[in-house]
Amino acid sequence: QVQLVESGGGSVQPGGSLRLSCAASGFTFSSYAMNWYRQAPGKEREVVATISAGGTTNYADSVKGRFTISRDNGKNTMYLQMNSLKPEDAALYYCNANGYDWIRIKRVYWGQGTQVTVSS
């Protein structure tokens, strides 16, 4: 059974930091691209950061220089280090995995989300 479990969300003041984690199970984590998305109230879900199976990273312009995505294939876990948080970073953050299973069928998995609140 596939599971993506996010943790690390919470409430922080502007300028603060949080580290999100996404623990994965039930699929070959190391072969999947992993992504962080977020969705604020009244807005569409948007991609925040991506990391390929090979470790290549990409970021939304709005978080470049402040957020860092990483993965630990030995622990089947992805991380998002968020620094210099701004009120506009407040959202529900989702973990996403996409790749191919052993019979080459495209698979996309989502976590339930972890809430990030940024306010003074």
Protein backbone atom coordinates (compact mmCIF):
# COMPACT_ATOMS: atom_id res chain seq x y z
CA GLN A 1 0.00 0.00 0.00
CA VAL A 2 1.42 3.33 -1.10
CA GLN A 3 1.73 6.01 1.54
CA LEU A 4 3.12 9.52 1.52
CA VAL A 5 3.06 11.08 4.96
CA GLU A 6 3.99 14.73 5.39
CA SER A 7 5.13 16.24 8.66
CA GLY A 8 6.84 19.33 9.97
CA GLY A 9 4.22 21.93 9.25
CA GLY A 10 3.24 24.49 11.81
CA SER A 11 2.95 28.15 12.62
CA VAL A 12 5.93 30.48 12.30
CA GLN A 13 6.57 34.20 12.24
CA PRO A 14 7.70 35.93 9.05
CA GLY A 15 11.40 35.33 8.56
CA GLY A 16 11.27 32.02 10.35
CA SER A 17 12.08 28.53 9.15
CA LEU A 18 10.41 25.16 8.91
CA ARG A 19 11.52 21.79 7.62
CA LEU A 20 8.91 19.59 6.01
CA SER A 21 9.36 15.86 5.62
CA CYS A 22 7.61 13.35 3.40
CA ALA A 23 7.98 9.71 4.38
CA ALA A 24 7.22 7.33 1.52
CA SER A 25 6.39 3.65 1.46
CA GLY A 26 4.87 1.09 -0.87
CA PHE A 27 6.78 1.98 -4.03
CA THR A 28 10.37 2.23 -5.26
CA PHE A 29 11.08 5.68 -3.86
CA SER A 30 14.54 6.03 -5.39
CA SER A 31 13.21 5.73 -8.94
CA TYR A 32 10.47 8.33 -8.62
CA ALA A 33 10.58 12.06 -9.11
CA MET A 34 9.42 13.76 -5.93
CA ASN A 35 7.74 17.11 -5.65
CA TRP A 36 6.34 19.58 -3.19
CA TYR A 37 3.14 21.41 -4.04
CA ARG A 38 1.15 23.92 -2.06
CA GLN A 39 -2.34 25.30 -2.10
CA ALA A 40 -3.49 28.43 -0.35
CA PRO A 41 -7.17 29.15 0.30
CA GLY A 42 -8.89 30.33 -2.87
CA LYS A 43 -5.87 29.57 -5.03
CA GLU A 44 -4.89 26.74 -7.33
CA ARG A 45 -2.40 24.12 -6.26
CA GLU A 46 1.07 25.08 -7.45
CA VAL A 47 4.38 23.29 -7.65
CA VAL A 48 6.96 24.59 -5.20
CA ALA A 49 10.00 22.40 -5.77
CA THR A 50 10.93 19.22 -7.58
CA ILE A 51 13.72 16.70 -7.32
CA SER A 52 14.30 14.05 -9.93
CA ALA A 53 15.30 10.47 -9.24
CA GLY A 54 18.82 11.54 -10.10
CA GLY A 55 18.76 14.48 -7.73
CA THR A 56 18.20 17.37 -10.12
CA THR A 57 16.23 20.13 -8.42
CA ASN A 58 13.97 22.90 -9.63
CA TYR A 59 12.13 25.63 -7.78
CA ALA A 60 9.29 28.01 -8.33
CA ASP A 61 10.59 31.54 -8.80
CA SER A 62 8.78 32.62 -5.66
CA VAL A 63 10.85 30.34 -3.42
CA LYS A 64 14.25 30.30 -5.13
CA GLY A 65 17.03 31.09 -2.72
CA ARG A 66 14.82 30.44 0.31
CA PHE A 67 13.66 26.83 -0.01
CA THR A 68 15.78 23.70 -0.49
CA ILE A 69 14.40 20.35 -1.57
CA SER A 70 16.34 17.17 -0.86
CA ARG A 71 15.84 13.45 -0.63
CA ASP A 72 17.32 10.56 1.32
CA ASN A 73 16.76 7.39 -0.67
CA GLY A 74 18.06 5.27 2.19
CA LYS A 75 15.25 6.57 4.39
CA ASN A 76 12.64 6.87 1.63
CA THR A 77 12.12 10.45 2.71
CA MET A 78 11.99 13.82 0.99
CA TYR A 79 12.52 17.14 2.70
CA LEU A 80 11.77 20.80 2.14
CA GLN A 81 13.84 23.25 4.11
CA MET A 82 12.00 26.56 4.14
CA ASN A 83 13.84 29.66 5.29
CA SER A 84 12.93 33.35 5.35
CA LEU A 85 9.27 32.45 5.30
CA LYS A 86 6.80 35.06 4.13
CA PRO A 87 3.07 35.37 4.79
CA GLU A 88 2.45 34.42 1.16
CA ASP A 89 4.11 31.06 1.80
CA ALA A 90 1.24 30.05 4.05
CA ALA A 91 -0.58 27.10 2.50
CA LEU A 92 -1.28 23.42 2.72
CA TYR A 93 1.86 21.69 1.48
CA TYR A 94 1.56 18.41 -0.36
CA CYS A 95 4.07 15.72 -1.14
CA ASN A 96 3.84 14.21 -4.63
CA ALA A 97 5.56 11.27 -6.26
CA ASN A 98 5.47 10.38 -9.91
CA GLY A 99 7.17 7.64 -11.85
CA TYR A 100 6.67 4.21 -13.32
CA ASP A 101 5.97 0.95 -11.59
CA TRP A 102 7.64 -2.36 -12.43
CA ILE A 103 5.38 -2.94 -15.45
CA ARG A 104 5.99 0.60 -16.72
CA ILE A 105 2.62 2.03 -15.80
CA LYS A 106 2.72 5.73 -14.90
CA ARG A 107 1.91 6.28 -11.23
CA VAL A 108 1.21 9.50 -9.39
CA TYR A 109 0.79 9.57 -5.63
CA TRP A 110 -0.20 12.34 -3.21
CA GLY A 111 0.08 12.85 0.49
CA GLN A 112 -2.62 14.38 2.68
CA GLY A 113 -0.80 17.64 3.22
CA THR A 114 0.71 19.54 6.12
CA GLN A 115 -0.33 23.06 7.03
CA VAL A 116 2.13 25.93 7.09
CA THR A 117 1.03 29.19 8.67
CA VAL A 118 3.16 32.33 8.53
CA SER A 119 1.94 35.27 10.56
CA SER A 120 3.06 37.68 13.21
